[in-house]
Amino acid sequence: AVQPAAAQKGLRFALTPVYGVTIPVIVR
């Protein structure tokens, strides 16, 4: 799925978003 077409030359990169959620954990 990520192989470039035969006509395309050179090094290619694909950026993949990585999502995250943070929550605070407080110890009193």
PDB file of all heavy atoms in Angstrom:
ATOM      1  N   ALA A   1       0.812  -1.218   0.000  1.00  0.00           N
ATOM      2  CA  ALA A   1       0.000   0.000   0.000  1.00  0.00           C
ATOM      3  C   ALA A   1       0.838   1.258   0.000  1.00  0.00           C
ATOM      4  O   ALA A   1       0.361   2.330  -0.329  1.00  0.00           O
ATOM      5  CB  ALA A   1      -0.929   0.007   1.205  1.00  0.00           C
ATOM      6  N   VAL A   2       2.120   1.154   0.396  1.00  0.00           N
ATOM      7  CA  VAL A   2       2.941   2.355   0.478  1.00  0.00           C
ATOM      8  C   VAL A   2       4.016   2.409  -0.593  1.00  0.00           C
ATOM      9  O   VAL A   2       4.789   3.345  -0.636  1.00  0.00           O
ATOM     10  CB  VAL A   2       3.602   2.451   1.868  1.00  0.00           C
ATOM     11  CG1 VAL A   2       2.550   2.562   2.943  1.00  0.00           C
ATOM     12  CG2 VAL A   2       4.505   1.254   2.134  1.00  0.00           C
ATOM     13  N   GLN A   3       4.090   1.401  -1.474  1.00  0.00           N
ATOM     14  CA  GLN A   3       5.088   1.416  -2.519  1.00  0.00           C
ATOM     15  C   GLN A   3       4.765   2.506  -3.534  1.00  0.00           C
ATOM     16  O   GLN A   3       3.621   2.621  -3.987  1.00  0.00           O
ATOM     17  CB  GLN A   3       5.147   0.062  -3.225  1.00  0.00           C
ATOM     18  CG  GLN A   3       5.787  -1.030  -2.363  1.00  0.00           C
ATOM     19  CD  GLN A   3       5.844  -2.354  -3.088  1.00  0.00           C
ATOM     20  OE1 GLN A   3       5.156  -2.541  -4.094  1.00  0.00           O
ATOM     21  NE2 GLN A   3       6.658  -3.259  -2.593  1.00  0.00           N
ATOM     22  N   PRO A   4       5.732   3.353  -3.887  1.00  0.00           N
ATOM     23  CA  PRO A   4       5.477   4.407  -4.872  1.00  0.00           C
ATOM     24  C   PRO A   4       5.275   3.820  -6.251  1.00  0.00           C
ATOM     25  O   PRO A   4       5.686   2.694  -6.545  1.00  0.00           O
ATOM     26  CB  PRO A   4       6.746   5.249  -4.799  1.00  0.00           C
ATOM     27  CG  PRO A   4       7.800   4.318  -4.298  1.00  0.00           C
ATOM     28  CD  PRO A   4       7.099   3.360  -3.383  1.00  0.00           C
ATOM     29  N   ALA A   5       4.625   4.578  -7.082  1.00  0.00           N
ATOM     30  CA  ALA A   5       4.419   4.146  -8.467  1.00  0.00           C
ATOM     31  C   ALA A   5       5.765   3.986  -9.156  1.00  0.00           C
ATOM     32  O   ALA A   5       6.760   4.621  -8.792  1.00  0.00           O
ATOM     33  CB  ALA A   5       3.552   5.171  -9.201  1.00  0.00           C
ATOM     34  N   ALA A   6       5.784   3.152 -10.185  1.00  0.00           N
ATOM     35  CA  ALA A   6       7.036   2.843 -10.869  1.00  0.00           C
ATOM     36  C   ALA A   6       7.680   4.093 -11.449  1.00  0.00           C
ATOM     37  O   ALA A   6       8.906   4.203 -11.514  1.00  0.00           O
ATOM     38  CB  ALA A   6       6.788   1.810 -11.968  1.00  0.00           C
ATOM     39  N   ALA A   7       6.874   5.061 -11.846  1.00  0.00           N
ATOM     40  CA  ALA A   7       7.417   6.257 -12.485  1.00  0.00           C
ATOM     41  C   ALA A   7       8.054   7.210 -11.481  1.00  0.00           C
ATOM     42  O   ALA A   7       8.810   8.102 -11.853  1.00  0.00           O
ATOM     43  CB  ALA A   7       6.324   6.982 -13.254  1.00  0.00           C
ATOM     44  N   GLN A   8       7.759   7.040 -10.223  1.00  0.00           N
ATOM     45  CA  GLN A   8       8.279   7.947  -9.209  1.00  0.00           C
ATOM     46  C   GLN A   8       9.657   7.493  -8.764  1.00  0.00           C
ATOM     47  O   GLN A   8       9.900   6.309  -8.568  1.00  0.00           O
ATOM     48  CB  GLN A   8       7.325   8.009  -8.020  1.00  0.00           C
ATOM     49  CG  GLN A   8       5.969   8.596  -8.374  1.00  0.00           C
ATOM     50  CD  GLN A   8       5.009   8.509  -7.214  1.00  0.00           C
ATOM     51  OE1 GLN A   8       5.137   7.636  -6.358  1.00  0.00           O
ATOM     52  NE2 GLN A   8       4.037   9.418  -7.189  1.00  0.00           N
ATOM     53  N   LYS A   9      10.564   8.462  -8.577  1.00  0.00           N
ATOM     54  CA  LYS A   9      11.924   8.144  -8.186  1.00  0.00           C
ATOM     55  C   LYS A   9      12.281   8.891  -6.913  1.00  0.00           C
ATOM     56  O   LYS A   9      11.670   9.896  -6.571  1.00  0.00           O
ATOM     57  CB  LYS A   9      12.900   8.512  -9.299  1.00  0.00           C
ATOM     58  CG  LYS A   9      12.691   7.717 -10.586  1.00  0.00           C
ATOM     59  CD  LYS A   9      13.716   8.104 -11.624  1.00  0.00           C
ATOM     60  CE  LYS A   9      13.530   7.304 -12.916  1.00  0.00           C
ATOM     61  NZ  LYS A   9      14.528   7.672 -13.937  1.00  0.00           N
ATOM     62  N   GLY A  10      13.312   8.417  -6.226  1.00  0.00           N
ATOM     63  CA  GLY A  10      13.786   9.089  -5.030  1.00  0.00           C
ATOM     64  C   GLY A  10      13.139   8.531  -3.774  1.00  0.00           C
ATOM     65  O   GLY A  10      12.240   7.696  -3.811  1.00  0.00           O
ATOM     66  N   LEU A  11      13.624   9.014  -2.637  1.00  0.00           N
ATOM     67  CA  LEU A  11      13.151   8.557  -1.344  1.00  0.00           C
ATOM     68  C   LEU A  11      11.868   9.278  -0.974  1.00  0.00           C
ATOM     69  O   LEU A  11      11.748  10.490  -1.096  1.00  0.00           O
ATOM     70  CB  LEU A  11      14.230   8.833  -0.286  1.00  0.00           C
ATOM     71  CG  LEU A  11      14.018   8.266   1.101  1.00  0.00           C
ATOM     72  CD1 LEU A  11      13.945   6.746   1.050  1.00  0.00           C
ATOM     73  CD2 LEU A  11      15.160   8.706   2.021  1.00  0.00           C
ATOM     74  N   ARG A  12      10.864   8.522  -0.490  1.00  0.00           N
ATOM     75  CA  ARG A  12       9.572   9.099  -0.137  1.00  0.00           C
ATOM     76  C   ARG A  12       9.223   8.736   1.303  1.00  0.00           C
ATOM     77  O   ARG A  12       9.554   7.667   1.784  1.00  0.00           O
ATOM     78  CB  ARG A  12       8.467   8.586  -1.076  1.00  0.00           C
ATOM     79  CG  ARG A  12       8.666   8.985  -2.524  1.00  0.00           C
ATOM     80  CD  ARG A  12       7.652   8.267  -3.416  1.00  0.00           C
ATOM     81  NE  ARG A  12       6.280   8.575  -3.017  1.00  0.00           N
ATOM     82  CZ  ARG A  12       5.616   9.672  -3.396  1.00  0.00           C
ATOM     83  NH1 ARG A  12       6.213  10.569  -4.161  1.00  0.00           N
ATOM     84  NH2 ARG A  12       4.365   9.869  -3.028  1.00  0.00           N
ATOM     85  N   PHE A  13       8.545   9.673   1.982  1.00  0.00           N
ATOM     86  CA  PHE A  13       8.125   9.449   3.360  1.00  0.00           C
ATOM     87  C   PHE A  13       6.634   9.703   3.479  1.00  0.00           C
ATOM     88  O   PHE A  13       6.071  10.532   2.761  1.00  0.00           O
ATOM     89  CB  PHE A  13       8.865  10.389   4.328  1.00  0.00           C
ATOM     90  CG  PHE A  13      10.327  10.099   4.454  1.00  0.00           C
ATOM     91  CD1 PHE A  13      11.240  10.748   3.637  1.00  0.00           C
ATOM     92  CD2 PHE A  13      10.791   9.184   5.375  1.00  0.00           C
ATOM     93  CE1 PHE A  13      12.597  10.483   3.750  1.00  0.00           C
ATOM     94  CE2 PHE A  13      12.138   8.916   5.488  1.00  0.00           C
ATOM     95  CZ  PHE A  13      13.049   9.566   4.674  1.00  0.00           C
ATOM     96  N   ALA A  14       5.993   8.992   4.411  1.00  0.00           N
ATOM     97  CA  ALA A  14       4.580   9.226   4.727  1.00  0.00           C
ATOM     98  C   ALA A  14       4.478   9.492   6.224  1.00  0.00           C
ATOM     99  O   ALA A  14       4.947   8.699   7.039  1.00  0.00           O
ATOM    100  CB  ALA A  14       3.726   8.016   4.343  1.00  0.00           C
ATOM    101  N   LEU A  15       3.884  10.635   6.599  1.00  0.00           N
ATOM    102  CA  LEU A  15       3.720  10.988   8.004  1.00  0.00           C
ATOM    103  C   LEU A  15       2.406  10.419   8.520  1.00  0.00           C
ATOM    104  O   LEU A  15       1.354  10.649   7.931  1.00  0.00           O
ATOM    105  CB  LEU A  15       3.737  12.510   8.177  1.00  0.00           C
ATOM    106  CG  LEU A  15       5.039  13.200   7.767  1.00  0.00           C
ATOM    107  CD1 LEU A  15       4.927  14.698   8.021  1.00  0.00           C
ATOM    108  CD2 LEU A  15       6.224  12.630   8.525  1.00  0.00           C
ATOM    109  N   THR A  16       2.467   9.693   9.624  1.00  0.00           N
ATOM    110  CA  THR A  16       1.285   9.082  10.224  1.00  0.00           C
ATOM    111  C   THR A  16       0.937   9.802  11.520  1.00  0.00           C
ATOM    112  O   THR A  16       1.750   9.817  12.449  1.00  0.00           O
ATOM    113  CB  THR A  16       1.532   7.592  10.529  1.00  0.00           C
ATOM    114  OG1 THR A  16       1.903   6.916   9.321  1.00  0.00           O
ATOM    115  CG2 THR A  16       0.273   6.951  11.123  1.00  0.00           C
ATOM    116  N   PRO A  17      -0.247  10.438  11.624  1.00  0.00           N
ATOM    117  CA  PRO A  17      -0.603  11.100  12.883  1.00  0.00           C
ATOM    118  C   PRO A  17      -0.727  10.086  14.017  1.00  0.00           C
ATOM    119  O   PRO A  17      -1.270   9.006  13.837  1.00  0.00           O
ATOM    120  CB  PRO A  17      -1.968  11.745  12.564  1.00  0.00           C
ATOM    121  CG  PRO A  17      -2.029  11.807  11.072  1.00  0.00           C
ATOM    122  CD  PRO A  17      -1.262  10.615  10.584  1.00  0.00           C
ATOM    123  N   VAL A  18      -0.198  10.444  15.184  1.00  0.00           N
ATOM    124  CA  VAL A  18      -0.328   9.624  16.378  1.00  0.00           C
ATOM    125  C   VAL A  18      -1.011  10.479  17.430  1.00  0.00           C
ATOM    126  O   VAL A  18      -0.498  11.518  17.829  1.00  0.00           O
ATOM    127  CB  VAL A  18       1.044   9.141  16.890  1.00  0.00           C
ATOM    128  CG1 VAL A  18       0.878   8.360  18.184  1.00  0.00           C
ATOM    129  CG2 VAL A  18       1.729   8.289  15.835  1.00  0.00           C
ATOM    130  N   TYR A  19      -2.201  10.050  17.878  1.00  0.00           N
ATOM    131  CA  TYR A  19      -2.998  10.858  18.779  1.00  0.00           C
ATOM    132  C   TYR A  19      -2.883  10.354  20.210  1.00  0.00           C
ATOM    133  O   TYR A  19      -2.739   9.161  20.458  1.00  0.00           O
ATOM    134  CB  TYR A  19      -4.467  10.842  18.346  1.00  0.00           C
ATOM    135  CG  TYR A  19      -4.681  11.399  16.958  1.00  0.00           C
ATOM    136  CD1 TYR A  19      -4.916  10.554  15.876  1.00  0.00           C
ATOM    137  CD2 TYR A  19      -4.634  12.758  16.746  1.00  0.00           C
ATOM    138  CE1 TYR A  19      -5.101  11.062  14.616  1.00  0.00           C
ATOM    139  CE2 TYR A  19      -4.821  13.285  15.481  1.00  0.00           C
ATOM    140  CZ  TYR A  19      -5.056  12.432  14.414  1.00  0.00           C
ATOM    141  OH  TYR A  19      -5.230  12.948  13.158  1.00  0.00           O
ATOM    142  N   GLY A  20      -2.958  11.278  21.149  1.00  0.00           N
ATOM    143  CA  GLY A  20      -2.886  10.894  22.543  1.00  0.00           C
ATOM    144  C   GLY A  20      -3.774  11.763  23.409  1.00  0.00           C
ATOM    145  O   GLY A  20      -4.116  12.884  23.055  1.00  0.00           O
ATOM    146  N   VAL A  21      -4.156  11.222  24.550  1.00  0.00           N
ATOM    147  CA  VAL A  21      -4.945  11.933  25.551  1.00  0.00           C
ATOM    148  C   VAL A  21      -4.188  11.842  26.872  1.00  0.00           C
ATOM    149  O   VAL A  21      -3.726  10.771  27.251  1.00  0.00           O
ATOM    150  CB  VAL A  21      -6.343  11.308  25.711  1.00  0.00           C
ATOM    151  CG1 VAL A  21      -7.088  11.961  26.864  1.00  0.00           C
ATOM    152  CG2 VAL A  21      -7.140  11.427  24.423  1.00  0.00           C
ATOM    153  N   THR A  22      -4.050  12.950  27.590  1.00  0.00           N
ATOM    154  CA  THR A  22      -3.435  12.914  28.910  1.00  0.00           C
ATOM    155  C   THR A  22      -4.435  13.383  29.959  1.00  0.00           C
ATOM    156  O   THR A  22      -5.255  14.260  29.702  1.00  0.00           O
ATOM    157  CB  THR A  22      -2.193  13.817  28.999  1.00  0.00           C
ATOM    158  OG1 THR A  22      -2.559  15.172  28.738  1.00  0.00           O
ATOM    159  CG2 THR A  22      -1.117  13.361  28.041  1.00  0.00           C
ATOM    160  N   ILE A  23      -4.349  12.790  31.148  1.00  0.00           N
ATOM    161  CA  ILE A  23      -5.140  13.249  32.286  1.00  0.00           C
ATOM    162  C   ILE A  23      -4.218  13.325  33.496  1.00  0.00           C
ATOM    163  O   ILE A  23      -3.304  12.502  33.637  1.00  0.00           O
ATOM    164  CB  ILE A  23      -6.343  12.331  32.575  1.00  0.00           C
ATOM    165  CG1 ILE A  23      -5.878  10.957  33.044  1.00  0.00           C
ATOM    166  CG2 ILE A  23      -7.257  12.208  31.360  1.00  0.00           C
ATOM    167  CD1 ILE A  23      -6.997  10.086  33.591  1.00  0.00           C
ATOM    168  N   PRO A  24      -4.415  14.305  34.384  1.00  0.00           N
ATOM    169  CA  PRO A  24      -3.577  14.381  35.583  1.00  0.00           C
ATOM    170  C   PRO A  24      -3.997  13.347  36.614  1.00  0.00           C
ATOM    171  O   PRO A  24      -5.178  13.077  36.801  1.00  0.00           O
ATOM    172  CB  PRO A  24      -3.826  15.809  36.084  1.00  0.00           C
ATOM    173  CG  PRO A  24      -5.194  16.147  35.582  1.00  0.00           C
ATOM    174  CD  PRO A  24      -5.354  15.433  34.268  1.00  0.00           C
ATOM    175  N   VAL A  25      -3.002  12.779  37.285  1.00  0.00           N
ATOM    176  CA  VAL A  25      -3.221  11.891  38.431  1.00  0.00           C
ATOM    177  C   VAL A  25      -2.496  12.517  39.614  1.00  0.00           C
ATOM    178  O   VAL A  25      -1.264  12.615  39.622  1.00  0.00           O
ATOM    179  CB  VAL A  25      -2.692  10.473  38.159  1.00  0.00           C
ATOM    180  CG1 VAL A  25      -2.928   9.571  39.365  1.00  0.00           C
ATOM    181  CG2 VAL A  25      -3.354   9.879  36.920  1.00  0.00           C
ATOM    182  N   ILE A  26      -3.269  12.957  40.590  1.00  0.00           N
ATOM    183  CA  ILE A  26      -2.740  13.699  41.729  1.00  0.00           C
ATOM    184  C   ILE A  26      -2.839  12.840  42.982  1.00  0.00           C
ATOM    185  O   ILE A  26      -3.898  12.277  43.283  1.00  0.00           O
ATOM    186  CB  ILE A  26      -3.521  15.013  41.921  1.00  0.00           C
ATOM    187  CG1 ILE A  26      -3.337  15.911  40.684  1.00  0.00           C
ATOM    188  CG2 ILE A  26      -3.102  15.736  43.187  1.00  0.00           C
ATOM    189  CD1 ILE A  26      -4.261  17.108  40.653  1.00  0.00           C
ATOM    190  N   VAL A  27      -1.732  12.726  43.709  1.00  0.00           N
ATOM    191  CA  VAL A  27      -1.701  11.989  44.973  1.00  0.00           C
ATOM    192  C   VAL A  27      -1.511  13.005  46.098  1.00  0.00           C
ATOM    193  O   VAL A  27      -0.522  13.759  46.099  1.00  0.00           O
ATOM    194  CB  VAL A  27      -0.562  10.953  45.004  1.00  0.00           C
ATOM    195  CG1 VAL A  27      -0.588  10.174  46.317  1.00  0.00           C
ATOM    196  CG2 VAL A  27      -0.674  10.010  43.810  1.00  0.00           C
ATOM    197  N   ARG A  28      -2.452  13.035  47.040  1.00  0.00           N
ATOM    198  CA  ARG A  28      -2.375  13.957  48.166  1.00  0.00           C
ATOM    199  C   ARG A  28      -2.209  13.166  49.455  1.00  0.00           C
ATOM    200  O   ARG A  28      -3.056  12.341  49.804  1.00  0.00           O
ATOM    201  CB  ARG A  28      -3.627  14.834  48.235  1.00  0.00           C
ATOM    202  CG  ARG A  28      -3.669  15.872  47.125  1.00  0.00           C
ATOM    203  CD  ARG A  28      -4.922  16.711  47.168  1.00  0.00           C
ATOM    204  NE  ARG A  28      -4.900  17.730  46.116  1.00  0.00           N
ATOM    205  CZ  ARG A  28      -5.972  18.347  45.650  1.00  0.00           C
ATOM    206  NH1 ARG A  28      -7.174  18.050  46.144  1.00  0.00           N
ATOM    207  NH2 ARG A  28      -5.860  19.251  44.700  1.00  0.00           N
TER     208      ARG A  28
END
